Amino acid sequence: MKPPPFEYRAPATIGEALALLERHGYDAKVLAGGQSLVPLLNFRLARPAVIVDINAVEGLDRIVDDEGTREVSIGALVRLADAERSDVVARRCPLLVEALRYVGHRTVRNRGTVGGSLAHADPAAELPLVLRALDGRVRAVSPRGGRELPAADLFVGYLQTALAPDEILVEARFPWIGRGVRWSFIEFSRRSGDFALAAACVVLSVGPSGIEGARIAVAGGGPVPIRASEAEAALVRGGEGAIRDAAEHAAAACDVESDIHASAEYRRELVSTLVRRAVVAATAA
């Protein structure tokens, strides 16, 4: 398959890129790593009149350890493989490194970008799930200025974000995982490198009395990554059967339909199993 005709532009600055988006609006698409957009073009599921390639824009490929905010700042053009190999990410947010290892194959991670994965907003993708679990945020810029979007507000539907047509995601910020925090990331796909049928991300704050705080997020359970708040509360309450209850609450929070890959019942059962396994793995760490 070949893509439909389009005008290709490669701006050298973020200002030039924004001017192109302001001029063309919905008729323009931003190209970063191309691992999502190029297949959509080739299958003619996307038909933009203009492609705005931002790979020449300086300053979007940096990983910064921000001690002031206790976050890892990752530029939109940072390749997934570079984030996976980063000493800063490994030290401050090892959960993200673990999740990145599940993304496609090495060739995909060599080219795909952090910003592109988040802006594509696949509900089964690994990076949106981690950002949601950690209450991370992104920074976006437009001709009107810049703004920050928490993960809870960024993802609004299947392959949809709150970003405006003339807005570019330029940075993602993942909070540090501090001492006393345990975590686990588990996903299931039919074959290595395939899109996940479901995934679970668990982050636990553990104290002398047990679990004092919990974050449980699920991918593949609906059109956006899901924070299972009732499952989190069940773990904090504790008691016999807390893990089972958390898994059941997580499955109940899912908004799924049957498709060619799995029935809705199967996906809910899979979510329950993955959450239970992730909690057990985190508490055993």
C-alpha atoms as a PDB file:
ATOM      1  CA  MET A   1       0.000   0.000   0.000  1.00  0.00           C
ATOM      2  CA  LYS A   2       1.074   3.556  -0.688  1.00  0.00           C
ATOM      3  CA  PRO A   3      -0.092   6.683   1.139  1.00  0.00           C
ATOM      4  CA  PRO A   4      -2.321   9.244  -0.545  1.00  0.00           C
ATOM      5  CA  PRO A   5      -0.595  12.396  -1.855  1.00  0.00           C
ATOM      6  CA  PHE A   6       0.468  14.979   0.721  1.00  0.00           C
ATOM      7  CA  GLU A   7       2.679  18.018   1.081  1.00  0.00           C
ATOM      8  CA  TYR A   8       5.790  17.320   3.157  1.00  0.00           C
ATOM      9  CA  ARG A   9       7.233  20.044   5.376  1.00  0.00           C
ATOM     10  CA  ALA A  10      10.221  19.766   7.736  1.00  0.00           C
ATOM     11  CA  PRO A  11      10.378  22.897   9.917  1.00  0.00           C
ATOM     12  CA  ALA A  12      13.605  23.705  11.767  1.00  0.00           C
ATOM     13  CA  THR A  13      11.969  25.356  14.789  1.00  0.00           C
ATOM     14  CA  ILE A  14       8.941  24.771  16.950  1.00  0.00           C
ATOM     15  CA  GLY A  15       7.621  28.178  15.847  1.00  0.00           C
ATOM     16  CA  GLU A  16       7.708  27.145  12.201  1.00  0.00           C
ATOM     17  CA  ALA A  17       5.959  23.876  13.030  1.00  0.00           C
ATOM     18  CA  LEU A  18       3.213  25.682  14.929  1.00  0.00           C
ATOM     19  CA  ALA A  19       2.715  28.144  12.094  1.00  0.00           C
ATOM     20  CA  LEU A  20       2.118  25.247   9.711  1.00  0.00           C
ATOM     21  CA  LEU A  21      -0.393  23.648  12.052  1.00  0.00           C
ATOM     22  CA  GLU A  22      -2.164  26.977  12.559  1.00  0.00           C
ATOM     23  CA  ARG A  23      -2.412  27.420   8.800  1.00  0.00           C
ATOM     24  CA  HIS A  24      -3.633  23.918   7.931  1.00  0.00           C
ATOM     25  CA  GLY A  25      -5.533  22.816  11.072  1.00  0.00           C
ATOM     26  CA  TYR A  26      -7.168  19.408  10.746  1.00  0.00           C
ATOM     27  CA  ASP A  27      -5.575  18.945   7.308  1.00  0.00           C
ATOM     28  CA  ALA A  28      -2.112  18.594   8.897  1.00  0.00           C
ATOM     29  CA  LYS A  29      -0.526  15.747  10.865  1.00  0.00           C
ATOM     30  CA  VAL A  30       2.661  15.812  12.941  1.00  0.00           C
ATOM     31  CA  LEU A  31       5.303  13.208  12.095  1.00  0.00           C
ATOM     32  CA  ALA A  32       7.785  12.127  14.781  1.00  0.00           C
ATOM     33  CA  GLY A  33       8.903   8.484  14.751  1.00  0.00           C
ATOM     34  CA  GLY A  34       6.251   7.473  12.257  1.00  0.00           C
ATOM     35  CA  GLN A  35       5.502   4.109  13.857  1.00  0.00           C
ATOM     36  CA  SER A  36       1.820   4.959  14.169  1.00  0.00           C
ATOM     37  CA  LEU A  37       1.238   7.567  11.470  1.00  0.00           C
ATOM     38  CA  VAL A  38       2.997   5.836   8.564  1.00  0.00           C
ATOM     39  CA  PRO A  39       0.904   2.637   8.785  1.00  0.00           C
ATOM     40  CA  LEU A  40      -2.241   4.771   8.977  1.00  0.00           C
ATOM     41  CA  LEU A  41      -1.106   6.603   5.845  1.00  0.00           C
ATOM     42  CA  ASN A  42      -0.247   3.414   3.991  1.00  0.00           C
ATOM     43  CA  PHE A  43      -3.640   1.890   4.756  1.00  0.00           C
ATOM     44  CA  ARG A  44      -5.229   5.239   3.872  1.00  0.00           C
ATOM     45  CA  LEU A  45      -6.900   5.443   7.260  1.00  0.00           C
ATOM     46  CA  ALA A  46      -5.368   8.932   7.545  1.00  0.00           C
ATOM     47  CA  ARG A  47      -5.424  11.372   4.630  1.00  0.00           C
ATOM     48  CA  PRO A  48      -3.727  14.609   5.726  1.00  0.00           C
ATOM     49  CA  ALA A  49      -2.985  17.256   3.130  1.00  0.00           C
ATOM     50  CA  VAL A  50       0.233  18.230   4.940  1.00  0.00           C
ATOM     51  CA  ILE A  51       2.779  16.229   6.930  1.00  0.00           C
ATOM     52  CA  VAL A  52       4.757  18.320   9.437  1.00  0.00           C
ATOM     53  CA  ASP A  53       7.965  16.419  10.229  1.00  0.00           C
ATOM     54  CA  ILE A  54       9.334  17.746  13.553  1.00  0.00           C
ATOM     55  CA  ASN A  55      12.502  15.624  13.647  1.00  0.00           C
ATOM     56  CA  ALA A  56      14.693  18.631  12.801  1.00  0.00           C
ATOM     57  CA  VAL A  57      13.327  20.721  15.692  1.00  0.00           C
ATOM     58  CA  GLU A  58      16.049  21.110  18.316  1.00  0.00           C
ATOM     59  CA  GLY A  59      15.547  20.560  22.034  1.00  0.00           C
ATOM     60  CA  LEU A  60      12.884  17.860  21.881  1.00  0.00           C
ATOM     61  CA  ASP A  61      15.216  14.878  22.304  1.00  0.00           C
ATOM     62  CA  ARG A  62      16.430  15.418  25.870  1.00  0.00           C
ATOM     63  CA  ILE A  63      15.993  13.434  29.064  1.00  0.00           C
ATOM     64  CA  VAL A  64      16.338  15.614  32.180  1.00  0.00           C
ATOM     65  CA  ASP A  65      16.355  14.626  35.845  1.00  0.00           C
ATOM     66  CA  ASP A  66      14.361  17.438  37.457  1.00  0.00           C
ATOM     67  CA  GLU A  67      15.223  17.383  41.154  1.00  0.00           C
ATOM     68  CA  GLY A  68      13.034  20.398  41.819  1.00  0.00           C
ATOM     69  CA  THR A  69       9.806  18.663  40.825  1.00  0.00           C
ATOM     70  CA  ARG A  70      11.086  15.117  41.414  1.00  0.00           C
ATOM     71  CA  GLU A  71      10.188  14.141  37.868  1.00  0.00           C
ATOM     72  CA  VAL A  72      11.932  12.766  34.820  1.00  0.00           C
ATOM     73  CA  SER A  73      11.352  15.098  31.892  1.00  0.00           C
ATOM     74  CA  ILE A  74      11.403  13.312  28.530  1.00  0.00           C
ATOM     75  CA  GLY A  75      11.291  15.280  25.292  1.00  0.00           C
ATOM     76  CA  ALA A  76       8.745  14.298  22.680  1.00  0.00           C
ATOM     77  CA  LEU A  77      11.416  13.187  20.187  1.00  0.00           C
ATOM     78  CA  VAL A  78      13.263  10.888  22.598  1.00  0.00           C
ATOM     79  CA  ARG A  79      13.309   7.457  20.971  1.00  0.00           C
ATOM     80  CA  LEU A  80      11.715   4.692  22.994  1.00  0.00           C
ATOM     81  CA  ALA A  81      14.959   2.690  22.883  1.00  0.00           C
ATOM     82  CA  ASP A  82      16.928   5.665  24.249  1.00  0.00           C
ATOM     83  CA  ALA A  83      14.478   6.068  27.141  1.00  0.00           C
ATOM     84  CA  GLU A  84      14.724   2.328  27.780  1.00  0.00           C
ATOM     85  CA  ARG A  85      18.545   2.554  27.975  1.00  0.00           C
ATOM     86  CA  SER A  86      18.651   5.813  29.942  1.00  0.00           C
ATOM     87  CA  ASP A  87      20.479   5.724  33.295  1.00  0.00           C
ATOM     88  CA  VAL A  88      18.289   8.588  34.523  1.00  0.00           C
ATOM     89  CA  VAL A  89      15.057   6.767  33.711  1.00  0.00           C
ATOM     90  CA  ALA A  90      16.365   3.515  35.195  1.00  0.00           C
ATOM     91  CA  ARG A  91      17.319   5.241  38.447  1.00  0.00           C
ATOM     92  CA  ARG A  92      14.307   7.493  38.892  1.00  0.00           C
ATOM     93  CA  CYS A  93      11.468   5.611  37.185  1.00  0.00           C
ATOM     94  CA  PRO A  94      12.368   1.929  36.655  1.00  0.00           C
ATOM     95  CA  LEU A  95       8.705   1.116  36.085  1.00  0.00           C
ATOM     96  CA  LEU A  96       8.899   3.031  32.807  1.00  0.00           C
ATOM     97  CA  VAL A  97      11.925   1.014  31.690  1.00  0.00           C
ATOM     98  CA  GLU A  98      10.058  -2.224  32.363  1.00  0.00           C
ATOM     99  CA  ALA A  99       7.026  -1.019  30.409  1.00  0.00           C
ATOM    100  CA  LEU A 100       9.155   0.105  27.454  1.00  0.00           C
ATOM    101  CA  ARG A 101      10.514  -3.408  27.031  1.00  0.00           C
ATOM    102  CA  TYR A 102       7.027  -4.532  26.046  1.00  0.00           C
ATOM    103  CA  VAL A 103       6.635  -1.954  23.260  1.00  0.00           C
ATOM    104  CA  GLY A 104       6.656  -3.708  19.888  1.00  0.00           C
ATOM    105  CA  HIS A 105      10.029  -5.001  18.747  1.00  0.00           C
ATOM    106  CA  ARG A 106      13.482  -3.415  18.969  1.00  0.00           C
ATOM    107  CA  THR A 107      13.166  -1.938  15.477  1.00  0.00           C
ATOM    108  CA  VAL A 108       9.961  -0.181  16.534  1.00  0.00           C
ATOM    109  CA  ARG A 109      11.552   1.182  19.707  1.00  0.00           C
ATOM    110  CA  ASN A 110      14.606   2.387  17.777  1.00  0.00           C
ATOM    111  CA  ARG A 111      12.439   4.732  15.757  1.00  0.00           C
ATOM    112  CA  GLY A 112       9.275   5.312  17.796  1.00  0.00           C
ATOM    113  CA  THR A 113       9.149   8.306  20.137  1.00  0.00           C
ATOM    114  CA  VAL A 114       7.808   8.938  23.623  1.00  0.00           C
ATOM    115  CA  GLY A 115       5.731  11.886  22.453  1.00  0.00           C
ATOM    116  CA  GLY A 116       4.360   9.991  19.483  1.00  0.00           C
ATOM    117  CA  SER A 117       3.221   7.079  21.628  1.00  0.00           C
ATOM    118  CA  LEU A 118       1.399   9.376  24.050  1.00  0.00           C
ATOM    119  CA  ALA A 119      -0.176  11.533  21.338  1.00  0.00           C
ATOM    120  CA  HIS A 120      -1.377   8.457  19.429  1.00  0.00           C
ATOM    121  CA  ALA A 121      -3.289   7.427  22.578  1.00  0.00           C
ATOM    122  CA  ASP A 122      -3.752   3.748  21.859  1.00  0.00           C
ATOM    123  CA  PRO A 123      -5.739   2.476  24.876  1.00  0.00           C
ATOM    124  CA  ALA A 124      -3.670  -0.734  24.957  1.00  0.00           C
ATOM    125  CA  ALA A 125      -0.301   1.053  24.758  1.00  0.00           C
ATOM    126  CA  GLU A 126       2.281   0.933  27.512  1.00  0.00           C
ATOM    127  CA  LEU A 127       3.341   4.591  27.902  1.00  0.00           C
ATOM    128  CA  PRO A 128      -0.159   6.048  28.322  1.00  0.00           C
ATOM    129  CA  LEU A 129      -0.767   3.387  30.974  1.00  0.00           C
ATOM    130  CA  VAL A 130       2.365   4.285  32.963  1.00  0.00           C
ATOM    131  CA  LEU A 131       1.687   8.012  32.686  1.00  0.00           C
ATOM    132  CA  ARG A 132      -1.845   7.445  34.014  1.00  0.00           C
ATOM    133  CA  ALA A 133      -0.703   5.166  36.831  1.00  0.00           C
ATOM    134  CA  LEU A 134       1.900   7.670  38.043  1.00  0.00           C
ATOM    135  CA  ASP A 135      -0.314  10.748  37.604  1.00  0.00           C
ATOM    136  CA  GLY A 136       2.225  12.113  35.142  1.00  0.00           C
ATOM    137  CA  ARG A 137       1.679  15.059  32.846  1.00  0.00           C
ATOM    138  CA  VAL A 138       2.622  16.425  29.453  1.00  0.00           C
ATOM    139  CA  ARG A 139       3.447  19.881  28.176  1.00  0.00           C
ATOM    140  CA  ALA A 140       2.028  21.081  24.886  1.00  0.00           C
ATOM    141  CA  VAL A 141       2.543  24.260  22.871  1.00  0.00           C
ATOM    142  CA  SER A 142       0.381  26.035  20.329  1.00  0.00           C
ATOM    143  CA  PRO A 143       0.298  29.477  18.685  1.00  0.00           C
ATOM    144  CA  ARG A 144      -1.592  30.612  21.803  1.00  0.00           C
ATOM    145  CA  GLY A 145       1.204  29.558  24.189  1.00  0.00           C
ATOM    146  CA  GLY A 146       1.965  26.526  26.333  1.00  0.00           C
ATOM    147  CA  ARG A 147      -0.049  24.478  28.771  1.00  0.00           C
ATOM    148  CA  GLU A 148       0.251  21.358  30.899  1.00  0.00           C
ATOM    149  CA  LEU A 149      -2.153  18.442  30.786  1.00  0.00           C
ATOM    150  CA  PRO A 150      -2.326  15.794  33.514  1.00  0.00           C
ATOM    151  CA  ALA A 151      -2.672  12.238  32.270  1.00  0.00           C
ATOM    152  CA  ALA A 152      -6.222  12.120  33.645  1.00  0.00           C
ATOM    153  CA  ASP A 153      -7.219  14.876  31.195  1.00  0.00           C
ATOM    154  CA  LEU A 154      -4.984  13.998  28.234  1.00  0.00           C
ATOM    155  CA  PHE A 155      -6.700  10.809  27.064  1.00  0.00           C
ATOM    156  CA  VAL A 156     -10.315  11.397  26.110  1.00  0.00           C
ATOM    157  CA  GLY A 157     -11.276   8.513  23.794  1.00  0.00           C
ATOM    158  CA  TYR A 158     -10.030   5.781  21.509  1.00  0.00           C
ATOM    159  CA  LEU A 159      -6.973   7.238  19.728  1.00  0.00           C
ATOM    160  CA  GLN A 160      -8.076  10.667  20.940  1.00  0.00           C
ATOM    161  CA  THR A 161      -6.429  13.222  23.200  1.00  0.00           C
ATOM    162  CA  ALA A 162      -7.327  16.674  24.448  1.00  0.00           C
ATOM    163  CA  LEU A 163      -4.655  18.194  22.198  1.00  0.00           C
ATOM    164  CA  ALA A 164      -5.961  20.784  19.743  1.00  0.00           C
ATOM    165  CA  PRO A 165      -5.203  20.420  16.004  1.00  0.00           C
ATOM    166  CA  ASP A 166      -2.627  23.231  16.188  1.00  0.00           C
ATOM    167  CA  GLU A 167      -0.995  21.906  19.373  1.00  0.00           C
ATOM    168  CA  ILE A 168       2.209  19.853  19.678  1.00  0.00           C
ATOM    169  CA  LEU A 169       3.083  17.641  22.640  1.00  0.00           C
ATOM    170  CA  VAL A 170       6.676  18.603  23.420  1.00  0.00           C
ATOM    171  CA  GLU A 171       7.447  16.970  26.779  1.00  0.00           C
ATOM    172  CA  ALA A 172       6.277  14.208  29.103  1.00  0.00           C
ATOM    173  CA  ARG A 173       6.994  14.261  32.829  1.00  0.00           C
ATOM    174  CA  PHE A 174       7.055  11.028  34.840  1.00  0.00           C
ATOM    175  CA  PRO A 175       7.224  11.324  38.664  1.00  0.00           C
ATOM    176  CA  TRP A 176      10.083   9.639  40.468  1.00  0.00           C
ATOM    177  CA  ILE A 177       9.416   6.329  42.139  1.00  0.00           C
ATOM    178  CA  GLY A 178      10.817   6.840  45.631  1.00  0.00           C
ATOM    179  CA  ARG A 179      12.000   4.567  48.368  1.00  0.00           C
ATOM    180  CA  GLY A 180       9.398   2.364  49.967  1.00  0.00           C
ATOM    181  CA  VAL A 181       7.442   2.246  46.712  1.00  0.00           C
ATOM    182  CA  ARG A 182       6.927  -1.103  45.023  1.00  0.00           C
ATOM    183  CA  TRP A 183       5.675  -1.584  41.509  1.00  0.00           C
ATOM    184  CA  SER A 184       4.845  -4.118  38.838  1.00  0.00           C
ATOM    185  CA  PHE A 185       3.942  -4.028  35.140  1.00  0.00           C
ATOM    186  CA  ILE A 186       2.370  -7.024  33.407  1.00  0.00           C
ATOM    187  CA  GLU A 187       0.737  -7.359  30.012  1.00  0.00           C
ATOM    188  CA  PHE A 188      -0.590 -10.163  27.863  1.00  0.00           C
ATOM    189  CA  SER A 189      -0.396 -10.451  24.085  1.00  0.00           C
ATOM    190  CA  ARG A 190      -0.803 -13.439  21.821  1.00  0.00           C
ATOM    191  CA  ARG A 191       2.756 -13.129  20.527  1.00  0.00           C
ATOM    192  CA  SER A 192       5.810 -11.175  21.621  1.00  0.00           C
ATOM    193  CA  GLY A 193       5.674  -7.701  20.147  1.00  0.00           C
ATOM    194  CA  ASP A 194       1.940  -7.811  19.372  1.00  0.00           C
ATOM    195  CA  PHE A 195      -0.464  -5.225  20.723  1.00  0.00           C
ATOM    196  CA  ALA A 196      -1.499  -6.156  24.231  1.00  0.00           C
ATOM    197  CA  LEU A 197      -4.945  -7.583  24.833  1.00  0.00           C
ATOM    198  CA  ALA A 198      -4.664  -6.103  28.328  1.00  0.00           C
ATOM    199  CA  ALA A 199      -2.059  -4.782  30.745  1.00  0.00           C
ATOM    200  CA  ALA A 200      -1.901  -3.874  34.418  1.00  0.00           C
ATOM    201  CA  CYS A 201       0.331  -1.382  36.199  1.00  0.00           C
ATOM    202  CA  VAL A 202       0.493  -1.399  40.011  1.00  0.00           C
ATOM    203  CA  VAL A 203       2.344   1.064  42.250  1.00  0.00           C
ATOM    204  CA  LEU A 204       2.224   0.519  46.015  1.00  0.00           C
ATOM    205  CA  SER A 205       3.391   2.637  48.952  1.00  0.00           C
ATOM    206  CA  VAL A 206       4.246   0.178  51.698  1.00  0.00           C
ATOM    207  CA  GLY A 207       4.757   1.064  55.366  1.00  0.00           C
ATOM    208  CA  PRO A 208       5.053  -0.777  58.680  1.00  0.00           C
ATOM    209  CA  SER A 209       1.327  -1.518  58.728  1.00  0.00           C
ATOM    210  CA  GLY A 210       1.189  -2.737  55.142  1.00  0.00           C
ATOM    211  CA  ILE A 211      -0.098  -1.044  51.999  1.00  0.00           C
ATOM    212  CA  GLU A 212      -0.642   2.634  52.730  1.00  0.00           C
ATOM    213  CA  GLY A 213      -1.298   3.811  49.180  1.00  0.00           C
ATOM    214  CA  ALA A 214      -2.075   2.128  45.889  1.00  0.00           C
ATOM    215  CA  ARG A 215      -2.291   3.050  42.247  1.00  0.00           C
ATOM    216  CA  ILE A 216      -3.762   0.544  39.832  1.00  0.00           C
ATOM    217  CA  ALA A 217      -4.117   1.324  36.146  1.00  0.00           C
ATOM    218  CA  VAL A 218      -5.354  -0.914  33.359  1.00  0.00           C
ATOM    219  CA  ALA A 219      -4.847  -0.831  29.590  1.00  0.00           C
ATOM    220  CA  GLY A 220      -7.117  -2.603  27.154  1.00  0.00           C
ATOM    221  CA  GLY A 221     -10.093  -2.224  29.463  1.00  0.00           C
ATOM    222  CA  GLY A 222     -11.759   0.601  27.563  1.00  0.00           C
ATOM    223  CA  PRO A 223     -11.156   3.503  25.171  1.00  0.00           C
ATOM    224  CA  VAL A 224      -8.622   5.125  27.542  1.00  0.00           C
ATOM    225  CA  PRO A 225      -6.245   3.886  30.259  1.00  0.00           C
ATOM    226  CA  ILE A 226      -8.298   3.246  33.398  1.00  0.00           C
ATOM    227  CA  ARG A 227      -7.439   4.134  36.987  1.00  0.00           C
ATOM    228  CA  ALA A 228      -9.243   1.561  39.102  1.00  0.00           C
ATOM    229  CA  SER A 229      -9.978   3.672  42.185  1.00  0.00           C
ATOM    230  CA  GLU A 230     -12.173   1.098  43.924  1.00  0.00           C
ATOM    231  CA  ALA A 231      -9.489  -1.527  43.408  1.00  0.00           C
ATOM    232  CA  GLU A 232      -6.953   0.842  44.970  1.00  0.00           C
ATOM    233  CA  ALA A 233      -9.213   1.407  47.969  1.00  0.00           C
ATOM    234  CA  ALA A 234      -9.664  -2.356  48.447  1.00  0.00           C
ATOM    235  CA  LEU A 235      -5.907  -2.842  48.732  1.00  0.00           C
ATOM    236  CA  VAL A 236      -5.509  -0.012  51.229  1.00  0.00           C
ATOM    237  CA  ARG A 237      -8.339  -1.369  53.367  1.00  0.00           C
ATOM    238  CA  GLY A 238      -6.537  -4.685  53.434  1.00  0.00           C
ATOM    239  CA  GLY A 239      -7.851  -7.773  55.112  1.00  0.00           C
ATOM    240  CA  GLU A 240      -8.374 -11.278  53.868  1.00  0.00           C
ATOM    241  CA  GLY A 241      -9.266 -11.329  50.197  1.00  0.00           C
ATOM    242  CA  ALA A 242      -8.037  -7.776  49.523  1.00  0.00           C
ATOM    243  CA  ILE A 243      -6.096  -8.778  46.412  1.00  0.00           C
ATOM    244  CA  ARG A 244      -9.039 -10.775  45.069  1.00  0.00           C
ATOM    245  CA  ASP A 245     -11.380  -7.849  45.712  1.00  0.00           C
ATOM    246  CA  ALA A 246      -8.997  -5.423  44.011  1.00  0.00           C
ATOM    247  CA  ALA A 247      -8.803  -7.638  40.943  1.00  0.00           C
ATOM    248  CA  GLU A 248     -12.592  -7.915  40.764  1.00  0.00           C
ATOM    249  CA  HIS A 249     -13.042  -4.156  41.139  1.00  0.00           C
ATOM    250  CA  ALA A 250     -10.517  -3.536  38.353  1.00  0.00           C
ATOM    251  CA  ALA A 251     -12.385  -5.866  36.021  1.00  0.00           C
ATOM    252  CA  ALA A 252     -15.694  -4.214  36.897  1.00  0.00           C
ATOM    253  CA  ALA A 253     -14.256  -0.803  36.011  1.00  0.00           C
ATOM    254  CA  CYS A 254     -13.615  -1.923  32.433  1.00  0.00           C
ATOM    255  CA  ASP A 255     -15.754  -0.635  29.579  1.00  0.00           C
ATOM    256  CA  VAL A 256     -15.077  -3.193  26.855  1.00  0.00           C
ATOM    257  CA  GLU A 257     -16.874  -4.760  23.926  1.00  0.00           C
ATOM    258  CA  SER A 258     -16.265  -8.027  22.119  1.00  0.00           C
ATOM    259  CA  ASP A 259     -14.130  -7.844  18.970  1.00  0.00           C
ATOM    260  CA  ILE A 260     -12.257 -10.175  16.636  1.00  0.00           C
ATOM    261  CA  HIS A 261      -9.470 -10.609  19.192  1.00  0.00           C
ATOM    262  CA  ALA A 262     -11.444 -11.462  22.337  1.00  0.00           C
ATOM    263  CA  SER A 263     -14.878 -11.358  23.890  1.00  0.00           C
ATOM    264  CA  ALA A 264     -15.723  -8.723  26.472  1.00  0.00           C
ATOM    265  CA  GLU A 265     -15.987 -11.444  29.114  1.00  0.00           C
ATOM    266  CA  TYR A 266     -12.525 -12.732  28.273  1.00  0.00           C
ATOM    267  CA  ARG A 267     -10.985  -9.275  28.510  1.00  0.00           C
ATOM    268  CA  ARG A 268     -12.546  -8.622  31.910  1.00  0.00           C
ATOM    269  CA  GLU A 269     -11.299 -11.958  33.192  1.00  0.00           C
ATOM    270  CA  LEU A 270      -7.855 -11.208  31.743  1.00  0.00           C
ATOM    271  CA  VAL A 271      -7.772  -7.810  33.467  1.00  0.00           C
ATOM    272  CA  SER A 272      -8.705  -9.435  36.765  1.00  0.00           C
ATOM    273  CA  THR A 273      -5.940 -12.011  36.392  1.00  0.00           C
ATOM    274  CA  LEU A 274      -3.294  -9.470  35.397  1.00  0.00           C
ATOM    275  CA  VAL A 275      -4.151  -7.108  38.258  1.00  0.00           C
ATOM    276  CA  ARG A 276      -3.998  -9.950  40.768  1.00  0.00           C
ATOM    277  CA  ARG A 277      -0.623 -11.093  39.425  1.00  0.00           C
ATOM    278  CA  ALA A 278       0.732  -7.544  39.332  1.00  0.00           C
ATOM    279  CA  VAL A 279      -0.288  -6.874  42.950  1.00  0.00           C
ATOM    280  CA  VAL A 280       1.291 -10.144  44.090  1.00  0.00           C
ATOM    281  CA  ALA A 281       4.485  -9.322  42.189  1.00  0.00           C
ATOM    282  CA  ALA A 282       4.639  -5.816  43.647  1.00  0.00           C
ATOM    283  CA  THR A 283       4.071  -6.921  47.219  1.00  0.00           C
ATOM    284  CA  ALA A 284       6.732  -9.626  46.854  1.00  0.00           C
ATOM    285  CA  ALA A 285       9.335  -7.195  45.495  1.00  0.00           C
END
